[in-house]
Amino acid sequence: MTARLRGDELIAHRHLPATPDRVWAAFTSPASIAAFWGGSHATVPAGSVTVDLRPGGEFALDTRAPGGAVRRLRFVYVSVDAPRELVFDEPLTGLRTTVTIRAAGDGAELTVHQRHLPPELRTERAATGLTSILDALAAHLSAQRTRRDVVEDYFAGFRASDHPRILATLTDDVEWVIHGHRTTRGKAEFDGEIENPGFSGSPALDVQRVYQDGPVVVTLGEGRGVSVAHGPFRFAFNDVFTFRDELIARVDSYVVPLG
């Protein structure tokens, strides 16, 4: 669907062939942002994208026009509600963008609502530019499923305590080593650890960085949980996923409590 102008607002809706978690990851992962943000009118060098995903945090990127001109874009997060809503401002222009993601059928319904457009952006060219960015996003999400996608499904499953979704990402002989604590072997043991009786509810997991080197995907982030014995707690985590073909064969987890 084409983006439409309404006074100083620009609104676009799009059905995407991906889960809300994957769409959220596309908007918050530096590699994914670089893959689609330029649309058809610019490219975004992957190394130029920085993301500090928290209210008050900043994300920034370079756009390179076909003629070679480079422009640095900088945004500040106003609110972060994974995987439903992301709001960020562009301090230079005062433009506010709200990205809303909802589950819909076999994919996700995306709404991008930009408010307080400066006069120079209240044009059909701006609407066409946003449409091309969403076209590029759809193409990116439709591309072949990657090992990063599998890891995204893994974390999405843990956020919802969705056992089948998690187990679908694993080999039958998967090994999970939580260093300094315990090791589980095989899907049955892994399944029993998904909802450990020592903890209450599902954890909140904020994956802040993802790296890939061949069959290995490395994630770093922070989380929150509730211990039955001690109540709410925060932690930093580093998970190393080793793949065999397209499934996770081993998980090495390093967890550090935060004050």
Protein backbone atom coordinates (compact mmCIF):
# COMPACT_ATOMS: atom_id res chain seq x y z
CA MET A 1 0.00 0.00 0.00
CA THR A 2 1.27 3.49 -0.87
CA ALA A 3 2.03 5.89 1.96
CA ARG A 4 -0.39 8.83 2.11
CA LEU A 5 0.02 12.41 3.24
CA ARG A 6 -2.41 14.09 5.62
CA GLY A 7 -1.33 17.64 6.44
CA ASP A 8 1.92 17.34 8.40
CA GLU A 9 1.51 13.56 8.78
CA LEU A 10 2.55 10.62 6.64
CA ILE A 11 0.91 7.22 7.20
CA ALA A 12 1.61 3.82 5.66
CA HIS A 13 0.17 0.35 6.28
CA ARG A 14 1.69 -2.90 5.08
CA HIS A 15 1.03 -6.61 5.58
CA LEU A 16 4.36 -8.40 5.92
CA PRO A 17 5.23 -12.10 5.49
CA ALA A 18 6.85 -12.46 8.92
CA THR A 19 6.00 -12.78 12.60
CA PRO A 20 5.84 -9.60 14.71
CA ASP A 21 9.11 -10.64 16.37
CA ARG A 22 10.89 -10.80 13.03
CA VAL A 23 9.50 -7.42 11.96
CA TRP A 24 10.57 -5.95 15.30
CA ALA A 25 14.05 -7.40 14.85
CA ALA A 26 14.24 -5.86 11.37
CA PHE A 27 13.62 -2.41 12.84
CA THR A 28 16.08 -2.84 15.72
CA SER A 29 18.94 -4.94 14.29
CA PRO A 30 21.75 -2.92 12.65
CA ALA A 31 22.22 -5.47 9.86
CA SER A 32 18.51 -5.51 9.00
CA ILE A 33 18.19 -1.72 9.17
CA ALA A 34 21.05 -1.47 6.69
CA ALA A 35 19.31 -3.99 4.40
CA PHE A 36 16.13 -1.97 3.85
CA TRP A 37 16.31 1.59 5.22
CA GLY A 38 17.61 3.14 2.02
CA GLY A 39 14.69 1.84 -0.04
CA SER A 40 15.21 2.31 -3.78
CA HIS A 41 16.81 5.74 -3.50
CA ALA A 42 19.89 5.11 -1.32
CA THR A 43 22.10 2.47 0.27
CA VAL A 44 23.01 2.18 3.94
CA PRO A 45 26.52 0.87 4.75
CA ALA A 46 26.09 -1.87 7.35
CA GLY A 47 28.94 -0.55 9.49
CA SER A 48 27.32 2.87 9.76
CA VAL A 49 24.29 1.70 11.77
CA THR A 50 24.38 2.05 15.57
CA VAL A 51 21.52 1.08 17.88
CA ASP A 52 21.06 1.84 21.59
CA LEU A 53 17.60 0.32 22.08
CA ARG A 54 16.13 2.09 25.13
CA PRO A 55 14.07 5.23 25.79
CA GLY A 56 16.52 8.10 25.42
CA GLY A 57 18.92 5.90 23.46
CA GLU A 58 20.00 6.81 19.97
CA PHE A 59 20.21 5.03 16.67
CA ALA A 60 21.94 6.46 13.65
CA LEU A 61 22.90 5.51 10.11
CA ASP A 62 24.43 6.83 6.91
CA THR A 63 22.52 6.98 3.63
CA ARG A 64 24.51 7.05 0.40
CA ALA A 65 22.79 8.48 -2.66
CA PRO A 66 23.49 7.05 -6.16
CA GLY A 67 25.78 10.00 -6.82
CA GLY A 68 27.89 9.19 -3.76
CA ALA A 69 26.65 11.89 -1.39
CA VAL A 70 26.48 10.63 2.21
CA ARG A 71 24.05 11.92 4.82
CA ARG A 72 24.10 10.98 8.51
CA LEU A 73 20.65 10.41 10.05
CA ARG A 74 20.22 10.43 13.82
CA PHE A 75 17.15 9.42 15.86
CA VAL A 76 16.33 9.19 19.58
CA TYR A 77 14.01 6.52 20.99
CA VAL A 78 10.98 7.84 22.87
CA SER A 79 9.44 4.48 23.80
CA VAL A 80 10.34 0.84 23.21
CA ASP A 81 7.60 -1.78 23.63
CA ALA A 82 8.83 -5.02 22.03
CA PRO A 83 7.52 -6.38 19.75
CA ARG A 84 4.52 -4.05 19.45
CA GLU A 85 5.48 -0.39 19.20
CA LEU A 86 8.58 1.69 18.60
CA VAL A 87 8.55 5.50 18.78
CA PHE A 88 11.53 7.68 17.85
CA ASP A 89 12.23 11.33 17.08
CA GLU A 90 14.60 12.98 14.63
CA PRO A 91 16.00 15.91 16.67
CA LEU A 92 17.13 17.83 13.59
CA THR A 93 13.64 18.16 12.09
CA GLY A 94 11.29 17.38 15.02
CA LEU A 95 9.82 14.47 13.03
CA ARG A 96 8.27 11.76 15.21
CA THR A 97 7.84 8.23 13.84
CA THR A 98 5.63 5.57 15.44
CA VAL A 99 6.05 1.99 14.23
CA THR A 100 3.20 -0.31 15.27
CA ILE A 101 3.32 -4.08 14.70
CA ARG A 102 0.37 -6.45 15.14
CA ALA A 103 -0.02 -10.17 14.44
CA ALA A 104 -2.30 -10.72 11.43
CA GLY A 105 -3.05 -14.10 9.90
CA ASP A 106 0.16 -15.68 8.65
CA GLY A 107 2.24 -12.54 9.14
CA ALA A 108 2.16 -9.09 10.68
CA GLU A 109 0.36 -5.81 10.06
CA LEU A 110 2.72 -2.85 10.12
CA THR A 111 1.75 0.81 10.50
CA VAL A 112 4.29 3.61 10.15
CA HIS A 113 2.91 6.98 11.28
CA GLN A 114 5.12 10.04 10.93
CA ARG A 115 4.03 13.29 12.61
CA HIS A 116 5.28 16.89 12.55
CA LEU A 117 6.76 16.63 9.06
CA PRO A 118 8.69 19.79 8.22
CA PRO A 119 7.34 21.61 5.13
CA GLU A 120 10.06 20.23 2.84
CA LEU A 121 8.91 16.66 3.59
CA ARG A 122 5.19 17.23 2.97
CA THR A 123 5.55 16.01 -0.60
CA GLU A 124 4.61 13.07 -2.76
CA ARG A 125 8.31 12.37 -3.11
CA ALA A 126 8.50 11.75 0.65
CA ALA A 127 5.47 9.43 0.44
CA THR A 128 7.10 7.55 -2.44
CA GLY A 129 10.33 7.30 -0.44
CA LEU A 130 8.57 5.73 2.56
CA THR A 131 6.72 3.33 0.26
CA SER A 132 10.02 2.21 -1.30
CA ILE A 133 11.51 1.63 2.16
CA LEU A 134 8.58 -0.62 3.10
CA ASP A 135 8.90 -2.42 -0.25
CA ALA A 136 12.55 -3.10 0.61
CA LEU A 137 11.55 -4.26 4.11
CA ALA A 138 9.02 -6.72 2.64
CA ALA A 139 11.65 -8.07 0.24
CA HIS A 140 14.15 -8.42 3.08
CA LEU A 141 11.67 -10.37 5.22
CA SER A 142 10.67 -12.58 2.28
CA ALA A 143 14.26 -13.59 1.66
CA GLN A 144 15.50 -17.03 2.63
CA ARG A 145 15.24 -17.82 6.33
CA THR A 146 18.62 -17.33 8.00
CA ARG A 147 20.21 -18.70 11.14
CA ARG A 148 19.56 -15.32 12.72
CA ASP A 149 15.86 -15.86 12.02
CA VAL A 150 16.04 -19.19 13.87
CA VAL A 151 17.65 -17.44 16.85
CA GLU A 152 14.92 -14.77 16.75
CA ASP A 153 12.29 -17.53 16.92
CA TYR A 154 14.16 -19.09 19.85
CA PHE A 155 14.04 -15.85 21.88
CA ALA A 156 10.44 -15.14 20.87
CA GLY A 157 9.53 -18.57 22.19
CA PHE A 158 11.18 -17.88 25.55
CA ARG A 159 9.43 -14.51 25.88
CA ALA A 160 6.08 -16.30 25.58
CA SER A 161 7.07 -19.65 27.20
CA ASP A 162 6.08 -21.19 23.86
CA HIS A 163 7.63 -24.67 24.10
CA PRO A 164 6.82 -25.90 20.55
CA ARG A 165 8.28 -22.75 18.99
CA ILE A 166 11.53 -23.13 20.94
CA LEU A 167 11.84 -26.88 20.34
CA ALA A 168 11.30 -26.38 16.59
CA THR A 169 14.62 -24.50 16.47
CA LEU A 170 16.65 -27.35 18.04
CA THR A 171 18.27 -30.61 16.95
CA ASP A 172 17.09 -33.75 18.80
CA ASP A 173 20.47 -34.07 20.55
CA VAL A 174 20.81 -30.39 21.43
CA GLU A 175 23.11 -29.52 24.32
CA TRP A 176 22.54 -26.46 26.52
CA VAL A 177 25.44 -25.45 28.74
CA ILE A 178 24.63 -22.71 31.27
CA HIS A 179 28.21 -22.11 32.36
CA GLY A 180 28.75 -22.28 36.09
CA HIS A 181 25.30 -23.83 36.65
CA ARG A 182 24.18 -26.91 34.68
CA THR A 183 24.06 -28.74 31.37
CA THR A 184 21.00 -30.24 29.67
CA ARG A 185 21.19 -32.77 26.84
CA GLY A 186 18.46 -33.60 24.35
CA LYS A 187 15.11 -31.98 23.64
CA ALA A 188 13.34 -33.57 26.60
CA GLU A 189 15.76 -32.12 29.16
CA PHE A 190 15.80 -28.81 27.30
CA ASP A 191 11.99 -28.71 27.38
CA GLY A 192 12.03 -29.15 31.15
CA GLU A 193 14.36 -26.19 31.54
CA ILE A 194 12.25 -23.74 29.50
CA GLU A 195 10.01 -23.06 32.50
CA ASN A 196 12.27 -23.79 35.48
CA PRO A 197 10.17 -24.18 38.68
CA GLY A 198 12.56 -21.81 40.45
CA PHE A 199 11.26 -18.93 38.35
CA SER A 200 7.82 -17.40 37.82
CA GLY A 201 6.37 -16.35 34.46
CA SER A 202 8.19 -15.66 31.21
CA PRO A 203 11.41 -13.64 31.08
CA ALA A 204 11.72 -10.27 29.37
CA LEU A 205 14.66 -10.58 26.97
CA ASP A 206 16.20 -7.63 25.14
CA VAL A 207 18.65 -8.87 22.52
CA GLN A 208 20.92 -5.89 21.92
CA ARG A 209 23.58 -7.29 19.59
CA VAL A 210 23.81 -10.23 17.21
CA TYR A 211 26.95 -11.49 15.47
CA GLN A 212 27.36 -14.40 13.05
CA ASP A 213 30.44 -16.32 12.00
CA GLY A 214 29.60 -19.30 9.80
CA PRO A 215 27.63 -21.85 11.85
CA VAL A 216 27.84 -19.76 15.03
CA VAL A 217 25.48 -16.95 16.06
CA VAL A 218 26.37 -14.88 19.14
CA THR A 219 23.86 -12.72 21.03
CA LEU A 220 24.30 -10.24 23.86
CA GLY A 221 21.56 -8.55 25.83
CA GLU A 222 19.81 -7.92 29.11
CA GLY A 223 16.79 -9.52 30.71
CA ARG A 224 14.38 -9.43 33.62
CA GLY A 225 12.79 -12.30 35.48
CA VAL A 226 11.13 -13.25 38.74
CA SER A 227 12.75 -15.73 41.12
CA VAL A 228 10.32 -17.67 43.31
CA ALA A 229 12.74 -17.35 46.23
CA HIS A 230 14.07 -13.82 45.73
CA GLY A 231 11.58 -11.87 43.57
CA PRO A 232 12.38 -9.71 40.52
CA PHE A 233 15.93 -9.59 39.20
CA ARG A 234 17.90 -8.27 36.24
CA PHE A 235 20.68 -9.98 34.35
CA ALA A 236 23.00 -9.63 31.39
CA PHE A 237 23.35 -12.59 29.05
CA ASN A 238 25.60 -13.86 26.30
CA ASP A 239 24.30 -16.84 24.31
CA VAL A 240 26.42 -18.63 21.71
CA PHE A 241 24.40 -20.78 19.28
CA THR A 242 26.19 -23.45 17.27
CA PHE A 243 24.20 -24.74 14.28
CA ARG A 244 24.15 -28.08 12.51
CA ASP A 245 22.56 -27.46 9.14
CA GLU A 246 19.69 -25.06 9.95
CA LEU A 247 18.97 -26.07 13.57
CA ILE A 248 20.61 -25.19 16.86
CA ALA A 249 22.80 -28.07 18.09
CA ARG A 250 24.40 -26.35 21.10
CA VAL A 251 23.71 -23.31 23.25
CA ASP A 252 26.43 -21.88 25.51
CA SER A 253 24.87 -19.41 27.97
CA TYR A 254 26.71 -16.97 30.20
CA VAL A 255 24.50 -15.11 32.70
CA VAL A 256 25.61 -12.26 34.96
CA PRO A 257 23.27 -10.81 37.66
CA LEU A 258 22.85 -7.02 37.56
CA GLY A 259 22.32 -4.87 40.62
